[in-house]
């Protein structure tokens, strides 16, 4: 599968489409997608989510994605890479934190704008960005760059509030890399054993448990369980996947094993949880 690259610090694109010109494809950069008008489905990593006007998605590097357009849709695309984030005047730890947050957006399904008050601001920001991009007035590049920075920070804030587990404000680079690795391999439980992780990150296996809890406020087992629960709930809420499909995707032995795990964490069965959503 070909992977698209970006040759500028960032790129702004507007498109009005009746059908998606590309099948599932991947990028080597981040892509913010805002729906100006229209309806359809976002297809990402074998999951589908409805989209409407006002929805925003963040496609991360290596996500396989496409759109199924149901009614003529106006798209706003903002594309940028890690290089752009690192080039900004943020503190080093802020850059690391932002990269971690954005990289893990793929675990947050559907529209990423969770703060209701941010939605009208994002829309006005996009309208202003498009106007500057079209009119090419004096200092338009500088203004657009500032608006791009603002949008990226707002998106990171919305995603950060809903990450599966809290991270200490002073989390060091190794911790962020460790959490990033866990989230990237959440579908491969065999890679998430303490002995594997301690070896991967050069931390004593004897000390690993204390190290993890010190930097995340919870045990490794709790962190992984919380992350898996969030992913299971997302599949139940936002997709039509069957229970056995969810079990297979998340590395459970079978549907019964998945149901037992979910009930131990949430106190009700998968079927009861899904039925409660339709009530």
Protein backbone atom coordinates (compact mmCIF):
# COMPACT_ATOMS: atom_id res chain seq x y z
CA UNK A 1 0.00 0.00 0.00
CA UNK A 2 1.43 3.38 -1.02
CA UNK A 3 1.88 5.95 1.74
CA UNK A 4 1.39 9.61 0.93
CA UNK A 5 4.05 12.10 2.00
CA UNK A 6 3.98 15.82 2.75
CA UNK A 7 6.48 18.25 1.24
CA UNK A 8 5.49 21.40 3.17
CA UNK A 9 5.39 22.16 6.93
CA UNK A 10 1.60 22.03 6.63
CA UNK A 11 -0.99 21.91 3.88
CA UNK A 12 -4.58 23.19 3.68
CA UNK A 13 -7.01 21.60 1.22
CA UNK A 14 -10.73 22.15 0.51
CA UNK A 15 -12.70 19.55 -1.45
CA UNK A 16 -16.35 19.11 -2.39
CA UNK A 17 -16.99 15.46 -3.29
CA UNK A 18 -19.83 13.15 -4.26
CA UNK A 19 -17.67 10.06 -3.85
CA UNK A 20 -14.32 9.31 -2.25
CA UNK A 21 -11.63 9.24 -4.97
CA UNK A 22 -9.41 6.88 -2.97
CA UNK A 23 -9.88 3.49 -1.40
CA UNK A 24 -8.25 2.70 1.94
CA UNK A 25 -4.84 4.38 2.09
CA UNK A 26 -2.21 5.56 4.59
CA UNK A 27 -0.20 8.73 5.24
CA UNK A 28 3.19 9.49 6.74
CA UNK A 29 1.73 12.62 8.39
CA UNK A 30 -1.22 13.76 10.52
CA UNK A 31 -4.41 14.83 8.76
CA UNK A 32 -7.20 16.80 10.42
CA UNK A 33 -10.48 16.39 8.55
CA UNK A 34 -13.40 18.76 9.25
CA UNK A 35 -16.84 18.16 7.73
CA UNK A 36 -18.23 21.49 6.52
CA UNK A 37 -21.40 19.87 5.12
CA UNK A 38 -22.71 16.47 4.07
CA UNK A 39 -23.13 13.00 5.55
CA UNK A 40 -21.44 9.62 5.23
CA UNK A 41 -19.11 7.27 7.04
CA UNK A 42 -15.49 7.53 8.10
CA UNK A 43 -13.70 4.21 7.55
CA UNK A 44 -10.58 3.83 9.68
CA UNK A 45 -8.62 0.70 10.54
CA UNK A 46 -11.55 -1.59 9.57
CA UNK A 47 -14.10 0.37 11.64
CA UNK A 48 -16.85 2.69 10.36
CA UNK A 49 -18.33 5.76 12.05
CA UNK A 50 -21.07 8.11 10.83
CA UNK A 51 -20.08 11.70 10.04
CA UNK A 52 -22.12 14.90 9.83
CA UNK A 53 -21.44 18.62 9.44
CA UNK A 54 -19.32 19.84 12.35
CA UNK A 55 -17.50 16.56 12.91
CA UNK A 56 -13.71 16.55 13.02
CA UNK A 57 -11.42 13.54 12.68
CA UNK A 58 -7.69 13.17 13.17
CA UNK A 59 -6.00 10.61 10.94
CA UNK A 60 -2.64 9.59 12.41
CA UNK A 61 0.36 8.23 10.50
CA UNK A 62 -0.17 4.62 9.39
CA UNK A 63 -3.97 4.71 9.92
CA UNK A 64 -5.72 3.01 6.98
CA UNK A 65 -8.68 5.20 6.09
CA UNK A 66 -11.23 6.31 3.50
CA UNK A 67 -14.72 7.83 3.40
CA UNK A 68 -18.07 6.48 2.21
CA UNK A 69 -19.93 9.58 1.03
CA UNK A 70 -23.73 9.36 1.32
CA UNK A 71 -24.55 12.98 0.42
CA UNK A 72 -22.33 15.60 -1.25
CA UNK A 73 -19.70 16.50 1.32
CA UNK A 74 -17.46 19.54 1.78
CA UNK A 75 -14.18 18.58 3.42
CA UNK A 76 -11.53 20.79 5.03
CA UNK A 77 -8.15 19.08 5.37
CA UNK A 78 -5.21 20.29 7.46
CA UNK A 79 -2.10 18.14 7.03
CA UNK A 80 1.05 18.40 9.15
CA UNK A 81 3.85 16.21 10.47
CA UNK A 82 5.90 15.74 13.65
CA UNK A 83 8.52 18.03 12.13
CA UNK A 84 6.04 20.92 12.19
CA UNK A 85 5.21 20.38 15.87
CA UNK A 86 8.89 20.16 16.81
CA UNK A 87 9.64 23.38 14.92
CA UNK A 88 7.28 25.45 17.08
CA UNK A 89 8.27 27.42 20.16
CA UNK A 90 6.93 24.94 22.67
CA UNK A 91 8.90 23.60 25.63
CA UNK A 92 10.54 20.24 24.91
CA UNK A 93 8.27 18.37 27.32
CA UNK A 94 5.20 20.04 25.79
CA UNK A 95 6.27 18.84 22.33
CA UNK A 96 6.74 15.28 23.59
CA UNK A 97 3.36 15.34 25.31
CA UNK A 98 1.60 16.74 22.24
CA UNK A 99 3.19 14.16 19.95
CA UNK A 100 2.06 11.40 22.31
CA UNK A 101 -1.51 12.74 22.48
CA UNK A 102 -1.86 13.20 18.73
CA UNK A 103 -0.27 9.85 17.93
CA UNK A 104 -2.86 8.07 20.06
CA UNK A 105 -5.88 9.81 18.56
CA UNK A 106 -6.65 6.66 16.57
CA UNK A 107 -7.89 5.10 19.82
CA UNK A 108 -10.57 7.81 20.13
CA UNK A 109 -13.32 6.87 17.64
CA UNK A 110 -15.56 9.25 15.75
CA UNK A 111 -15.56 13.02 16.17
CA UNK A 112 -12.64 14.17 18.31
CA UNK A 113 -14.27 17.44 19.42
CA UNK A 114 -15.51 16.54 22.89
CA UNK A 115 -15.60 20.06 24.37
CA UNK A 116 -18.94 21.51 23.26
CA UNK A 117 -17.67 25.09 23.65
CA UNK A 118 -14.76 24.39 21.29
CA UNK A 119 -16.96 23.45 18.33
CA UNK A 120 -18.08 26.95 17.23
CA UNK A 121 -14.56 28.27 17.77
CA UNK A 122 -13.07 25.54 15.58
CA UNK A 123 -15.60 26.31 12.82
CA UNK A 124 -14.84 30.05 12.93
CA UNK A 125 -11.11 29.27 12.93
CA UNK A 126 -11.50 27.12 9.82
CA UNK A 127 -13.58 29.79 8.07
CA UNK A 128 -10.90 32.40 8.85
CA UNK A 129 -8.14 30.06 7.69
CA UNK A 130 -9.89 29.37 4.40
CA UNK A 131 -10.54 33.09 3.82
CA UNK A 132 -6.87 33.94 4.39
CA UNK A 133 -5.79 31.06 2.17
CA UNK A 134 -8.05 32.22 -0.68
CA UNK A 135 -7.48 35.99 -0.42
CA UNK A 136 -3.67 35.86 -0.03
CA UNK A 137 -3.60 39.23 1.74
CA UNK A 138 -0.63 40.86 3.51
CA UNK A 139 0.91 38.62 6.21
CA UNK A 140 -1.53 35.84 5.34
CA UNK A 141 1.11 33.11 5.76
CA UNK A 142 1.97 34.29 9.26
CA UNK A 143 -1.71 34.49 10.23
CA UNK A 144 -2.49 31.05 8.84
CA UNK A 145 0.49 29.54 10.70
CA UNK A 146 -0.77 31.01 14.00
CA UNK A 147 -4.26 29.63 13.34
CA UNK A 148 -2.82 26.21 12.50
CA UNK A 149 -0.92 26.24 15.82
CA UNK A 150 -4.10 27.17 17.69
CA UNK A 151 -6.11 24.41 16.04
CA UNK A 152 -3.51 21.73 16.76
CA UNK A 153 -3.36 22.71 20.44
CA UNK A 154 -7.18 22.71 20.72
CA UNK A 155 -7.37 19.30 19.09
CA UNK A 156 -4.69 17.96 21.45
CA UNK A 157 -6.68 19.31 24.41
CA UNK A 158 -9.86 17.56 23.27
CA UNK A 159 -8.05 14.26 22.76
CA UNK A 160 -6.06 14.49 26.02
CA UNK A 161 -9.22 14.71 28.13
CA UNK A 162 -10.38 11.35 26.87
CA UNK A 163 -7.20 9.29 26.74
CA UNK A 164 -7.71 5.97 28.55
CA UNK A 165 -5.52 6.86 31.52
CA UNK A 166 -4.06 9.92 33.19
CA UNK A 167 -0.41 10.79 32.73
CA UNK A 168 1.59 12.78 35.24
CA UNK A 169 2.42 16.30 34.12
CA UNK A 170 6.14 15.62 34.58
CA UNK A 171 6.15 12.33 32.67
CA UNK A 172 9.57 11.78 31.17
CA UNK A 173 10.30 10.92 27.55
CA UNK A 174 10.80 7.21 28.29
CA UNK A 175 7.38 7.02 29.95
CA UNK A 176 5.65 8.61 26.97
CA UNK A 177 7.47 6.22 24.64
CA UNK A 178 6.41 3.29 26.84
CA UNK A 179 2.74 4.32 26.83
CA UNK A 180 2.89 4.93 23.11
CA UNK A 181 4.30 1.41 22.63
CA UNK A 182 1.56 -0.12 24.78
CA UNK A 183 -1.20 1.64 22.87
CA UNK A 184 0.37 0.75 19.52
CA UNK A 185 0.46 -2.93 20.55
CA UNK A 186 -2.81 -3.14 22.45
CA UNK A 187 -4.04 -5.66 19.86
CA UNK A 188 -1.05 -7.93 20.61
CA UNK A 189 -1.26 -8.94 24.31
CA UNK A 190 1.84 -11.12 24.08
CA UNK A 191 3.94 -7.96 23.60
CA UNK A 192 2.56 -6.29 26.73
CA UNK A 193 3.86 -8.61 29.41
CA UNK A 194 6.02 -6.90 32.04
CA UNK A 195 9.10 -8.95 31.15
CA UNK A 196 8.77 -7.98 27.47
CA UNK A 197 8.25 -4.29 28.23
CA UNK A 198 11.07 -4.09 30.77
CA UNK A 199 13.45 -5.62 28.23
CA UNK A 200 12.19 -3.37 25.43
CA UNK A 201 12.74 -0.18 27.45
CA UNK A 202 15.80 -1.13 29.48
CA UNK A 203 14.07 -1.10 32.86
CA UNK A 204 14.78 -3.74 35.49
CA UNK A 205 11.95 -6.28 35.53
CA UNK A 206 12.06 -6.19 39.35
CA UNK A 207 11.61 -2.38 39.34
CA UNK A 208 9.27 -2.14 36.34
CA UNK A 209 6.00 -2.29 38.31
CA UNK A 210 7.07 0.52 40.66
CA UNK A 211 8.37 2.60 37.74
CA UNK A 212 5.10 2.29 35.83
CA UNK A 213 2.89 3.18 38.79
CA UNK A 214 5.11 6.12 39.75
CA UNK A 215 4.63 7.73 36.35
CA UNK A 216 1.01 6.80 35.56
CA UNK A 217 -0.72 6.54 38.98
CA UNK A 218 -1.85 2.96 38.22
CA UNK A 219 -0.46 -0.51 37.67
CA UNK A 220 0.41 -1.87 34.24
CA UNK A 221 -2.51 -4.31 34.48
CA UNK A 222 -4.94 -1.50 35.35
CA UNK A 223 -3.66 0.68 32.52
CA UNK A 224 -4.02 -2.08 29.92
CA UNK A 225 -7.44 -3.09 31.26
CA UNK A 226 -8.70 0.51 31.13
CA UNK A 227 -7.40 0.93 27.61
CA UNK A 228 -9.01 -2.30 26.42
CA UNK A 229 -12.32 -1.40 28.09
CA UNK A 230 -12.35 1.97 26.31
CA UNK A 231 -11.72 0.26 22.98
CA UNK A 232 -14.42 -2.35 23.61
CA UNK A 233 -16.96 0.32 24.59
CA UNK A 234 -16.06 2.33 21.49
CA UNK A 235 -16.72 -0.69 19.27
CA UNK A 236 -20.05 -1.32 21.00
CA UNK A 237 -21.12 2.33 20.81
CA UNK A 238 -19.93 3.37 17.38
CA UNK A 239 -19.76 0.25 15.20
CA UNK A 240 -21.85 -2.74 14.15
CA UNK A 241 -19.06 -5.23 14.89
CA UNK A 242 -20.17 -8.58 16.27
CA UNK A 243 -18.92 -9.65 19.70
CA UNK A 244 -16.71 -12.38 18.24
CA UNK A 245 -15.15 -9.84 15.85
CA UNK A 246 -14.31 -7.52 18.76
CA UNK A 247 -12.82 -10.45 20.68
CA UNK A 248 -10.62 -11.40 17.72
CA UNK A 249 -9.49 -7.81 17.09
CA UNK A 250 -8.44 -7.24 20.70
CA UNK A 251 -6.66 -10.57 21.12
CA UNK A 252 -9.13 -12.36 23.41
CA UNK A 253 -9.28 -16.16 23.21
CA UNK A 254 -12.99 -16.13 22.38
CA UNK A 255 -16.28 -14.31 22.93
CA UNK A 256 -16.75 -15.89 26.37
CA UNK A 257 -13.33 -14.66 27.55
CA UNK A 258 -14.12 -11.14 26.32
CA UNK A 259 -17.52 -11.14 28.02
CA UNK A 260 -16.02 -12.33 31.32
CA UNK A 261 -13.37 -9.58 31.17
CA UNK A 262 -15.93 -6.87 30.37
CA UNK A 263 -18.30 -7.98 33.13
CA UNK A 264 -15.48 -7.97 35.69
CA UNK A 265 -14.70 -4.34 34.78
CA UNK A 266 -18.18 -2.90 34.15
CA UNK A 267 -20.51 -5.18 36.11
CA UNK A 268 -22.70 -6.12 33.14
CA UNK A 269 -22.47 -8.27 30.05
CA UNK A 270 -21.56 -7.02 26.58
CA UNK A 271 -25.11 -7.68 25.38
CA UNK A 272 -26.60 -5.76 28.32
CA UNK A 273 -24.24 -2.84 27.68
CA UNK A 274 -25.11 -2.70 23.97
CA UNK A 275 -28.84 -2.97 24.75
CA UNK A 276 -28.55 -0.08 27.21
CA UNK A 277 -27.26 2.12 24.40
CA UNK A 278 -30.41 1.52 22.37
CA UNK A 279 -32.75 2.15 25.31
